[in-house]
Amino acid sequence: FVRLLRLDWAARQLAGSGDSIAAIAAQAGFTDQSCLTRAFRARFG
């Protein structure tokens, strides 16, 4: 449940923020950018 909330928040930040992907990953609560990328790919393809 929390992972989905983090991914949805990160997706919104990608569209509405100029922050780097690494910064968005950290702000969303993921360990690092690669962790976000794996979860993002698994959920959104």
All heavy atoms as atom14 arrays in JSON, in Angstrom:
{
  "sequence": "FVRLLRLDWAARQLAGSGDSIAAIAAQAGFTDQSCLTRAFRARFG",
  "atom14_mask": [
    [1, 1, 1, 1, 1, 1, 1, 1, 1, 1, 1, 0, 0, 0],
    [1, 1, 1, 1, 1, 1, 1, 0, 0, 0, 0, 0, 0, 0],
    [1, 1, 1, 1, 1, 1, 1, 1, 1, 1, 1, 0, 0, 0],
    [1, 1, 1, 1, 1, 1, 1, 1, 0, 0, 0, 0, 0, 0],
    [1, 1, 1, 1, 1, 1, 1, 1, 0, 0, 0, 0, 0, 0],
    [1, 1, 1, 1, 1, 1, 1, 1, 1, 1, 1, 0, 0, 0],
    [1, 1, 1, 1, 1, 1, 1, 1, 0, 0, 0, 0, 0, 0],
    [1, 1, 1, 1, 1, 1, 1, 1, 0, 0, 0, 0, 0, 0],
    [1, 1, 1, 1, 1, 1, 1, 1, 1, 1, 1, 1, 1, 1],
    [1, 1, 1, 1, 1, 0, 0, 0, 0, 0, 0, 0, 0, 0],
    [1, 1, 1, 1, 1, 0, 0, 0, 0, 0, 0, 0, 0, 0],
    [1, 1, 1, 1, 1, 1, 1, 1, 1, 1, 1, 0, 0, 0],
    [1, 1, 1, 1, 1, 1, 1, 1, 1, 0, 0, 0, 0, 0],
    [1, 1, 1, 1, 1, 1, 1, 1, 0, 0, 0, 0, 0, 0],
    [1, 1, 1, 1, 1, 0, 0, 0, 0, 0, 0, 0, 0, 0],
    [1, 1, 1, 1, 0, 0, 0, 0, 0, 0, 0, 0, 0, 0],
    [1, 1, 1, 1, 1, 1, 0, 0, 0, 0, 0, 0, 0, 0],
    [1, 1, 1, 1, 0, 0, 0, 0, 0, 0, 0, 0, 0, 0],
    [1, 1, 1, 1, 1, 1, 1, 1, 0, 0, 0, 0, 0, 0],
    [1, 1, 1, 1, 1, 1, 0, 0, 0, 0, 0, 0, 0, 0],
    [1, 1, 1, 1, 1, 1, 1, 1, 0, 0, 0, 0, 0, 0],
    [1, 1, 1, 1, 1, 0, 0, 0, 0, 0, 0, 0, 0, 0],
    [1, 1, 1, 1, 1, 0, 0, 0, 0, 0, 0, 0, 0, 0],
    [1, 1, 1, 1, 1, 1, 1, 1, 0, 0, 0, 0, 0, 0],
    [1, 1, 1, 1, 1, 0, 0, 0, 0, 0, 0, 0, 0, 0],
    [1, 1, 1, 1, 1, 0, 0, 0, 0, 0, 0, 0, 0, 0],
    [1, 1, 1, 1, 1, 1, 1, 1, 1, 0, 0, 0, 0, 0],
    [1, 1, 1, 1, 1, 0, 0, 0, 0, 0, 0, 0, 0, 0],
    [1, 1, 1, 1, 0, 0, 0, 0, 0, 0, 0, 0, 0, 0],
    [1, 1, 1, 1, 1, 1, 1, 1, 1, 1, 1, 0, 0, 0],
    [1, 1, 1, 1, 1, 1, 1, 0, 0, 0, 0, 0, 0, 0],
    [1, 1, 1, 1, 1, 1, 1, 1, 0, 0, 0, 0, 0, 0],
    [1, 1, 1, 1, 1, 1, 1, 1, 1, 0, 0, 0, 0, 0],
    [1, 1, 1, 1, 1, 1, 0, 0, 0, 0, 0, 0, 0, 0],
    [1, 1, 1, 1, 1, 1, 0, 0, 0, 0, 0, 0, 0, 0],
    [1, 1, 1, 1, 1, 1, 1, 1, 0, 0, 0, 0, 0, 0],
    [1, 1, 1, 1, 1, 1, 1, 0, 0, 0, 0, 0, 0, 0],
    [1, 1, 1, 1, 1, 1, 1, 1, 1, 1, 1, 0, 0, 0],
    [1, 1, 1, 1, 1, 0, 0, 0, 0, 0, 0, 0, 0, 0],
    [1, 1, 1, 1, 1, 1, 1, 1, 1, 1, 1, 0, 0, 0],
    [1, 1, 1, 1, 1, 1, 1, 1, 1, 1, 1, 0, 0, 0],
    [1, 1, 1, 1, 1, 0, 0, 0, 0, 0, 0, 0, 0, 0],
    [1, 1, 1, 1, 1, 1, 1, 1, 1, 1, 1, 0, 0, 0],
    [1, 1, 1, 1, 1, 1, 1, 1, 1, 1, 1, 0, 0, 0],
    [1, 1, 1, 1, 0, 0, 0, 0, 0, 0, 0, 0, 0, 0]
  ],
  "atom14_positions": [
    [[0.84, -1.2, 0.0], [0.0, 0.0, 0.0], [0.87, 1.25, 0.0], [0.68, 2.18, -0.8], [-0.92, -0.01, 1.22], [-1.87, 1.15, 1.31], [-2.98, 1.23, 0.47], [-1.66, 2.16, 2.23], [-3.86, 2.31, 0.55], [-2.53, 3.24, 2.31], [-3.63, 3.31, 1.47], [0.0, 0.0, 0.0], [0.0, 0.0, 0.0], [0.0, 0.0, 0.0]],
    [[1.88, 1.27, 0.89], [2.79, 2.41, 0.97], [3.62, 2.52, -0.3], [3.85, 3.62, -0.82], [3.7, 2.28, 2.21], [4.83, 3.31, 2.16], [2.89, 2.45, 3.48], [0.0, 0.0, 0.0], [0.0, 0.0, 0.0], [0.0, 0.0, 0.0], [0.0, 0.0, 0.0], [0.0, 0.0, 0.0], [0.0, 0.0, 0.0], [0.0, 0.0, 0.0]],
    [[4.05, 1.39, -0.84], [4.86, 1.42, -2.06], [4.08, 2.05, -3.22], [4.63, 2.85, -3.99], [5.3, 0.0, -2.43], [6.31, -0.05, -3.57], [6.8, -1.47, -3.81], [7.6, -1.96, -2.69], [7.21, -2.93, -1.86], [6.03, -3.53, -2.02], [7.97, -3.31, -0.87], [0.0, 0.0, 0.0], [0.0, 0.0, 0.0], [0.0, 0.0, 0.0]],
    [[2.8, 1.72, -3.33], [1.99, 2.31, -4.39], [1.83, 3.82, -4.2], [1.87, 4.59, -5.15], [0.61, 1.65, -4.43], [0.55, 0.25, -5.05], [-0.83, -0.33, -4.87], [0.92, 0.31, -6.51], [0.0, 0.0, 0.0], [0.0, 0.0, 0.0], [0.0, 0.0, 0.0], [0.0, 0.0, 0.0], [0.0, 0.0, 0.0], [0.0, 0.0, 0.0]],
    [[1.65, 4.25, -2.95], [1.55, 5.68, -2.67], [2.84, 6.4, -3.05], [2.82, 7.49, -3.63], [1.23, 5.9, -1.19], [-0.15, 5.46, -0.71], [-0.25, 5.6, 0.81], [-1.26, 6.26, -1.38], [0.0, 0.0, 0.0], [0.0, 0.0, 0.0], [0.0, 0.0, 0.0], [0.0, 0.0, 0.0], [0.0, 0.0, 0.0], [0.0, 0.0, 0.0]],
    [[3.97, 5.78, -2.73], [5.26, 6.39, -3.06], [5.46, 6.48, -4.57], [5.94, 7.49, -5.1], [6.4, 5.58, -2.43], [6.47, 5.7, -0.91], [7.61, 4.86, -0.35], [7.76, 5.08, 1.08], [8.69, 4.5, 1.83], [9.55, 3.64, 1.27], [8.77, 4.78, 3.12], [0.0, 0.0, 0.0], [0.0, 0.0, 0.0], [0.0, 0.0, 0.0]],
    [[5.09, 5.41, -5.28], [5.26, 5.4, -6.73], [4.38, 6.44, -7.39], [4.8, 7.14, -8.32], [4.97, 4.01, -7.29], [6.04, 2.95, -7.02], [5.51, 1.57, -7.4], [7.32, 3.26, -7.78], [0.0, 0.0, 0.0], [0.0, 0.0, 0.0], [0.0, 0.0, 0.0], [0.0, 0.0, 0.0], [0.0, 0.0, 0.0], [0.0, 0.0, 0.0]],
    [[3.14, 6.57, -6.92], [2.24, 7.55, -7.5], [2.74, 8.97, -7.23], [2.7, 9.84, -8.1], [0.83, 7.37, -6.95], [-0.21, 8.16, -7.74], [-0.26, 7.99, -8.96], [-0.94, 8.95, -7.12], [0.0, 0.0, 0.0], [0.0, 0.0, 0.0], [0.0, 0.0, 0.0], [0.0, 0.0, 0.0], [0.0, 0.0, 0.0], [0.0, 0.0, 0.0]],
    [[3.27, 9.2, -6.02], [3.83, 10.51, -5.69], [5.04, 10.8, -6.57], [5.19, 11.9, -7.11], [4.23, 10.55, -4.22], [4.76, 11.87, -3.78], [4.04, 12.94, -3.31], [6.14, 12.28, -3.77], [4.87, 13.98, -3.01], [6.17, 13.61, -3.29], [7.33, 11.67, -4.12], [7.36, 14.32, -3.14], [8.52, 12.37, -3.99], [8.53, 13.68, -3.5]],
    [[5.91, 9.81, -6.74], [7.09, 9.99, -7.57], [6.7, 10.29, -9.01], [7.32, 11.14, -9.67], [7.97, 8.74, -7.51], [0.0, 0.0, 0.0], [0.0, 0.0, 0.0], [0.0, 0.0, 0.0], [0.0, 0.0, 0.0], [0.0, 0.0, 0.0], [0.0, 0.0, 0.0], [0.0, 0.0, 0.0], [0.0, 0.0, 0.0], [0.0, 0.0, 0.0]],
    [[5.68, 9.61, -9.51], [5.23, 9.85, -10.89], [4.73, 11.29, -11.04], [4.99, 11.93, -12.07], [4.13, 8.86, -11.25], [0.0, 0.0, 0.0], [0.0, 0.0, 0.0], [0.0, 0.0, 0.0], [0.0, 0.0, 0.0], [0.0, 0.0, 0.0], [0.0, 0.0, 0.0], [0.0, 0.0, 0.0], [0.0, 0.0, 0.0], [0.0, 0.0, 0.0]],
    [[4.01, 11.79, -10.06], [3.55, 13.18, -10.13], [4.71, 14.15, -10.09], [4.71, 15.18, -10.76], [2.58, 13.47, -8.98], [1.23, 12.75, -9.11], [0.18, 13.35, -8.19], [0.57, 13.32, -6.8], [0.34, 12.32, -5.96], [-0.29, 11.24, -6.42], [0.71, 12.37, -4.7], [0.0, 0.0, 0.0], [0.0, 0.0, 0.0], [0.0, 0.0, 0.0]],
    [[5.74, 13.84, -9.28], [6.9, 14.71, -9.21], [7.67, 14.74, -10.52], [8.21, 15.76, -10.92], [7.83, 14.25, -8.08], [7.26, 14.44, -6.69], [6.89, 15.88, -6.41], [5.72, 16.23, -6.35], [7.89, 16.71, -6.24], [0.0, 0.0, 0.0], [0.0, 0.0, 0.0], [0.0, 0.0, 0.0], [0.0, 0.0, 0.0], [0.0, 0.0, 0.0]],
    [[7.72, 13.61, -11.22], [8.39, 13.58, -12.52], [7.73, 14.55, -13.5], [8.4, 15.16, -14.33], [8.34, 12.16, -13.1], [9.24, 11.11, -12.42], [8.88, 9.73, -12.95], [10.72, 11.41, -12.66], [0.0, 0.0, 0.0], [0.0, 0.0, 0.0], [0.0, 0.0, 0.0], [0.0, 0.0, 0.0], [0.0, 0.0, 0.0], [0.0, 0.0, 0.0]],
    [[6.41, 14.69, -13.38], [5.67, 15.56, -14.29], [5.69, 17.02, -13.83], [5.69, 17.93, -14.67], [4.23, 15.08, -14.41], [0.0, 0.0, 0.0], [0.0, 0.0, 0.0], [0.0, 0.0, 0.0], [0.0, 0.0, 0.0], [0.0, 0.0, 0.0], [0.0, 0.0, 0.0], [0.0, 0.0, 0.0], [0.0, 0.0, 0.0], [0.0, 0.0, 0.0]],
    [[5.72, 17.25, -12.53], [5.55, 18.62, -12.04], [6.74, 19.22, -11.34], [6.66, 20.33, -10.81], [0.0, 0.0, 0.0], [0.0, 0.0, 0.0], [0.0, 0.0, 0.0], [0.0, 0.0, 0.0], [0.0, 0.0, 0.0], [0.0, 0.0, 0.0], [0.0, 0.0, 0.0], [0.0, 0.0, 0.0], [0.0, 0.0, 0.0], [0.0, 0.0, 0.0]],
    [[7.85, 18.51, -11.28], [9.03, 18.99, -10.57], [10.25, 18.89, -11.46], [10.36, 17.99, -12.29], [9.25, 18.17, -9.29], [10.53, 18.38, -8.75], [0.0, 0.0, 0.0], [0.0, 0.0, 0.0], [0.0, 0.0, 0.0], [0.0, 0.0, 0.0], [0.0, 0.0, 0.0], [0.0, 0.0, 0.0], [0.0, 0.0, 0.0], [0.0, 0.0, 0.0]],
    [[11.19, 19.83, -11.26], [12.45, 19.77, -11.99], [13.52, 19.02, -11.25], [14.68, 18.98, -11.69], [0.0, 0.0, 0.0], [0.0, 0.0, 0.0], [0.0, 0.0, 0.0], [0.0, 0.0, 0.0], [0.0, 0.0, 0.0], [0.0, 0.0, 0.0], [0.0, 0.0, 0.0], [0.0, 0.0, 0.0], [0.0, 0.0, 0.0], [0.0, 0.0, 0.0]],
    [[13.19, 18.41, -10.11], [14.17, 17.67, -9.32], [14.7, 16.48, -10.1], [13.99, 15.9, -10.94], [13.55, 17.18, -8.01], [13.21, 18.32, -7.06], [13.74, 19.44, -7.26], [12.42, 18.1, -6.12], [0.0, 0.0, 0.0], [0.0, 0.0, 0.0], [0.0, 0.0, 0.0], [0.0, 0.0, 0.0], [0.0, 0.0, 0.0], [0.0, 0.0, 0.0]],
    [[15.91, 16.09, -9.79], [16.49, 14.92, -10.44], [15.75, 13.67, -9.99], [15.08, 13.65, -8.95], [17.97, 14.79, -10.08], [18.12, 14.48, -8.7], [0.0, 0.0, 0.0], [0.0, 0.0, 0.0], [0.0, 0.0, 0.0], [0.0, 0.0, 0.0], [0.0, 0.0, 0.0], [0.0, 0.0, 0.0], [0.0, 0.0, 0.0], [0.0, 0.0, 0.0]],
    [[15.89, 12.6, -10.78], [15.24, 11.34, -10.42], [15.8, 10.8, -9.11], [15.07, 10.27, -8.27], [15.39, 10.32, -11.55], [14.66, 10.82, -12.8], [14.85, 8.95, -11.14], [14.85, 9.94, -14.03], [0.0, 0.0, 0.0], [0.0, 0.0, 0.0], [0.0, 0.0, 0.0], [0.0, 0.0, 0.0], [0.0, 0.0, 0.0], [0.0, 0.0, 0.0]],
    [[17.1, 10.97, -8.89], [17.71, 10.52, -7.63], [17.11, 11.27, -6.45], [16.83, 10.68, -5.4], [19.22, 10.72, -7.69], [0.0, 0.0, 0.0], [0.0, 0.0, 0.0], [0.0, 0.0, 0.0], [0.0, 0.0, 0.0], [0.0, 0.0, 0.0], [0.0, 0.0, 0.0], [0.0, 0.0, 0.0], [0.0, 0.0, 0.0], [0.0, 0.0, 0.0]],
    [[16.89, 12.6, -6.61], [16.31, 13.38, -5.53], [14.86, 12.97, -5.27], [14.42, 12.87, -4.12], [16.38, 14.87, -5.88], [0.0, 0.0, 0.0], [0.0, 0.0, 0.0], [0.0, 0.0, 0.0], [0.0, 0.0, 0.0], [0.0, 0.0, 0.0], [0.0, 0.0, 0.0], [0.0, 0.0, 0.0], [0.0, 0.0, 0.0], [0.0, 0.0, 0.0]],
    [[14.12, 12.72, -6.34], [12.72, 12.29, -6.18], [12.66, 10.94, -5.47], [11.81, 10.72, -4.6], [12.03, 12.22, -7.56], [11.86, 13.63, -8.13], [10.68, 11.51, -7.47], [11.34, 13.66, -9.56], [0.0, 0.0, 0.0], [0.0, 0.0, 0.0], [0.0, 0.0, 0.0], [0.0, 0.0, 0.0], [0.0, 0.0, 0.0], [0.0, 0.0, 0.0]],
    [[13.58, 10.03, -5.83], [13.62, 8.72, -5.18], [13.84, 8.88, -3.68], [13.15, 8.24, -2.86], [14.73, 7.86, -5.79], [0.0, 0.0, 0.0], [0.0, 0.0, 0.0], [0.0, 0.0, 0.0], [0.0, 0.0, 0.0], [0.0, 0.0, 0.0], [0.0, 0.0, 0.0], [0.0, 0.0, 0.0], [0.0, 0.0, 0.0], [0.0, 0.0, 0.0]],
    [[14.79, 9.73, -3.3], [15.07, 9.94, -1.88], [13.89, 10.58, -1.17], [13.52, 10.17, -0.06], [16.32, 10.8, -1.72], [0.0, 0.0, 0.0], [0.0, 0.0, 0.0], [0.0, 0.0, 0.0], [0.0, 0.0, 0.0], [0.0, 0.0, 0.0], [0.0, 0.0, 0.0], [0.0, 0.0, 0.0], [0.0, 0.0, 0.0], [0.0, 0.0, 0.0]],
    [[13.27, 11.58, -1.79], [12.13, 12.27, -1.19], [10.93, 11.34, -1.04], [10.13, 11.48, -0.11], [11.75, 13.48, -2.03], [12.8, 14.58, -2.06], [12.58, 15.56, -3.18], [11.48, 15.67, -3.75], [13.62, 16.3, -3.55], [0.0, 0.0, 0.0], [0.0, 0.0, 0.0], [0.0, 0.0, 0.0], [0.0, 0.0, 0.0], [0.0, 0.0, 0.0]],
    [[10.78, 10.39, -1.98], [9.65, 9.47, -1.93], [9.83, 8.38, -0.88], [8.87, 7.68, -0.54], [9.44, 8.82, -3.3], [0.0, 0.0, 0.0], [0.0, 0.0, 0.0], [0.0, 0.0, 0.0], [0.0, 0.0, 0.0], [0.0, 0.0, 0.0], [0.0, 0.0, 0.0], [0.0, 0.0, 0.0], [0.0, 0.0, 0.0], [0.0, 0.0, 0.0]],
    [[11.06, 8.22, -0.39], [11.3, 7.21, 0.63], [12.01, 5.97, 0.15], [12.18, 5.01, 0.91], [0.0, 0.0, 0.0], [0.0, 0.0, 0.0], [0.0, 0.0, 0.0], [0.0, 0.0, 0.0], [0.0, 0.0, 0.0], [0.0, 0.0, 0.0], [0.0, 0.0, 0.0], [0.0, 0.0, 0.0], [0.0, 0.0, 0.0], [0.0, 0.0, 0.0]],
    [[12.47, 5.98, -1.12], [13.2, 4.83, -1.65], [14.68, 4.93, -1.26], [15.21, 6.03, -1.08], [13.06, 4.75, -3.17], [11.68, 4.37, -3.62], [10.76, 5.34, -3.97], [11.29, 3.03, -3.68], [9.47, 5.0, -4.38], [10.02, 2.68, -4.09], [9.1, 3.67, -4.44], [0.0, 0.0, 0.0], [0.0, 0.0, 0.0], [0.0, 0.0, 0.0]],
    [[15.33, 3.8, -1.18], [16.73, 3.76, -0.76], [17.61, 4.54, -1.72], [18.48, 5.31, -1.29], [17.22, 2.3, -0.69], [16.35, 1.57, 0.18], [18.64, 2.25, -0.16], [0.0, 0.0, 0.0], [0.0, 0.0, 0.0], [0.0, 0.0, 0.0], [0.0, 0.0, 0.0], [0.0, 0.0, 0.0], [0.0, 0.0, 0.0], [0.0, 0.0, 0.0]],
    [[17.39, 4.37, -3.02], [18.15, 5.09, -4.02], [17.39, 5.07, -5.34], [16.29, 4.52, -5.43], [19.56, 4.5, -4.18], [19.54, 3.0, -4.45], [18.56, 2.51, -5.06], [20.49, 2.31, -4.04], [0.0, 0.0, 0.0], [0.0, 0.0, 0.0], [0.0, 0.0, 0.0], [0.0, 0.0, 0.0], [0.0, 0.0, 0.0], [0.0, 0.0, 0.0]],
    [[18.0, 5.65, -6.37], [17.34, 5.74, -7.68], [17.09, 4.37, -8.29], [16.04, 4.13, -8.9], [18.19, 6.58, -8.63], [17.56, 6.76, -10.02], [18.36, 7.7, -10.9], [19.07, 8.55, -10.4], [18.22, 7.55, -12.21], [0.0, 0.0, 0.0], [0.0, 0.0, 0.0], [0.0, 0.0, 0.0], [0.0, 0.0, 0.0], [0.0, 0.0, 0.0]],
    [[18.02, 3.44, -8.12], [17.84, 2.11, -8.72], [16.67, 1.38, -8.07], [15.94, 0.64, -8.75], [19.12, 1.29, -8.59], [19.46, 1.08, -7.23], [0.0, 0.0, 0.0], [0.0, 0.0, 0.0], [0.0, 0.0, 0.0], [0.0, 0.0, 0.0], [0.0, 0.0, 0.0], [0.0, 0.0, 0.0], [0.0, 0.0, 0.0], [0.0, 0.0, 0.0]],
    [[16.48, 1.59, -6.78], [15.35, 0.97, -6.08], [14.03, 1.51, -6.63], [13.09, 0.76, -6.89], [15.46, 1.22, -4.59], [14.16, 0.44, -3.62], [0.0, 0.0, 0.0], [0.0, 0.0, 0.0], [0.0, 0.0, 0.0], [0.0, 0.0, 0.0], [0.0, 0.0, 0.0], [0.0, 0.0, 0.0], [0.0, 0.0, 0.0], [0.0, 0.0, 0.0]],
    [[13.97, 2.83, -6.84], [12.78, 3.44, -7.43], [12.55, 2.9, -8.84], [11.42, 2.57, -9.21], [12.94, 4.96, -7.48], [11.91, 5.72, -8.33], [10.5, 5.54, -7.78], [12.25, 7.2, -8.42], [0.0, 0.0, 0.0], [0.0, 0.0, 0.0], [0.0, 0.0, 0.0], [0.0, 0.0, 0.0], [0.0, 0.0, 0.0], [0.0, 0.0, 0.0]],
    [[13.61, 2.81, -9.62], [13.49, 2.35, -11.01], [12.94, 0.93, -11.08], [12.06, 0.63, -11.89], [14.85, 2.43, -11.72], [15.28, 3.79, -11.75], [14.74, 1.91, -13.15], [0.0, 0.0, 0.0], [0.0, 0.0, 0.0], [0.0, 0.0, 0.0], [0.0, 0.0, 0.0], [0.0, 0.0, 0.0], [0.0, 0.0, 0.0], [0.0, 0.0, 0.0]],
    [[13.45, 0.04, -10.22], [12.95, -1.35, -10.22], [11.47, -1.4, -9.87], [10.68, -2.1, -10.51], [13.76, -2.2, -9.25], [15.16, -2.54, -9.73], [15.77, -3.65, -8.88], [15.88, -3.26, -7.47], [16.92, -2.61, -6.95], [17.95, -2.27, -7.73], [16.96, -2.31, -5.66], [0.0, 0.0, 0.0], [0.0, 0.0, 0.0], [0.0, 0.0, 0.0]],
    [[11.09, -0.67, -8.82], [9.68, -0.68, -8.4], [8.8, -0.02, -9.46], [7.69, -0.47, -9.72], [9.54, 0.05, -7.07], [0.0, 0.0, 0.0], [0.0, 0.0, 0.0], [0.0, 0.0, 0.0], [0.0, 0.0, 0.0], [0.0, 0.0, 0.0], [0.0, 0.0, 0.0], [0.0, 0.0, 0.0], [0.0, 0.0, 0.0], [0.0, 0.0, 0.0]],
    [[9.3, 1.05, -10.08], [8.55, 1.77, -11.11], [8.31, 0.87, -12.32], [7.2, 0.8, -12.85], [9.35, 3.01, -11.52], [8.5, 4.17, -11.99], [8.05, 5.12, -11.1], [8.17, 4.31, -13.33], [7.29, 6.19, -11.52], [7.42, 5.37, -13.77], [6.97, 6.32, -12.86], [0.0, 0.0, 0.0], [0.0, 0.0, 0.0], [0.0, 0.0, 0.0]],
    [[9.35, 0.17, -12.76], [9.22, -0.72, -13.9], [8.25, -1.87, -13.6], [7.43, -2.26, -14.44], [10.58, -1.29, -14.31], [10.54, -2.06, -15.62], [11.81, -2.87, -15.81], [12.99, -2.04, -15.87], [13.44, -1.46, -16.98], [12.79, -1.61, -18.12], [14.54, -0.71, -16.95], [0.0, 0.0, 0.0], [0.0, 0.0, 0.0], [0.0, 0.0, 0.0]],
    [[8.33, -2.42, -12.39], [7.45, -3.52, -12.03], [5.99, -3.09, -12.01], [5.1, -3.86, -12.38], [7.85, -4.08, -10.67], [0.0, 0.0, 0.0], [0.0, 0.0, 0.0], [0.0, 0.0, 0.0], [0.0, 0.0, 0.0], [0.0, 0.0, 0.0], [0.0, 0.0, 0.0], [0.0, 0.0, 0.0], [0.0, 0.0, 0.0], [0.0, 0.0, 0.0]],
    [[5.73, -1.86, -11.58], [4.36, -1.41, -11.45], [3.8, -0.82, -12.73], [2.66, -1.08, -13.13], [4.27, -0.36, -10.33], [2.89, 0.24, -10.12], [1.83, -0.8, -9.86], [2.14, -1.61, -8.7], [1.38, -2.61, -8.27], [0.3, -2.94, -8.94], [1.72, -3.32, -7.21], [0.0, 0.0, 0.0], [0.0, 0.0, 0.0], [0.0, 0.0, 0.0]],
    [[4.61, 0.01, -13.43], [4.1, 0.75, -14.57], [4.6, 0.24, -15.92], [4.14, 0.71, -16.96], [4.47, 2.24, -14.45], [3.93, 2.9, -13.21], [4.76, 3.64, -12.38], [2.6, 2.77, -12.86], [4.28, 4.25, -11.24], [2.1, 3.38, -11.71], [2.94, 4.12, -10.9], [0.0, 0.0, 0.0], [0.0, 0.0, 0.0], [0.0, 0.0, 0.0]],
    [[5.55, -0.7, -15.91], [6.06, -1.24, -17.16], [6.98, -0.29, -17.9], [7.24, -0.48, -19.09], [0.0, 0.0, 0.0], [0.0, 0.0, 0.0], [0.0, 0.0, 0.0], [0.0, 0.0, 0.0], [0.0, 0.0, 0.0], [0.0, 0.0, 0.0], [0.0, 0.0, 0.0], [0.0, 0.0, 0.0], [0.0, 0.0, 0.0], [0.0, 0.0, 0.0]]
  ]
}
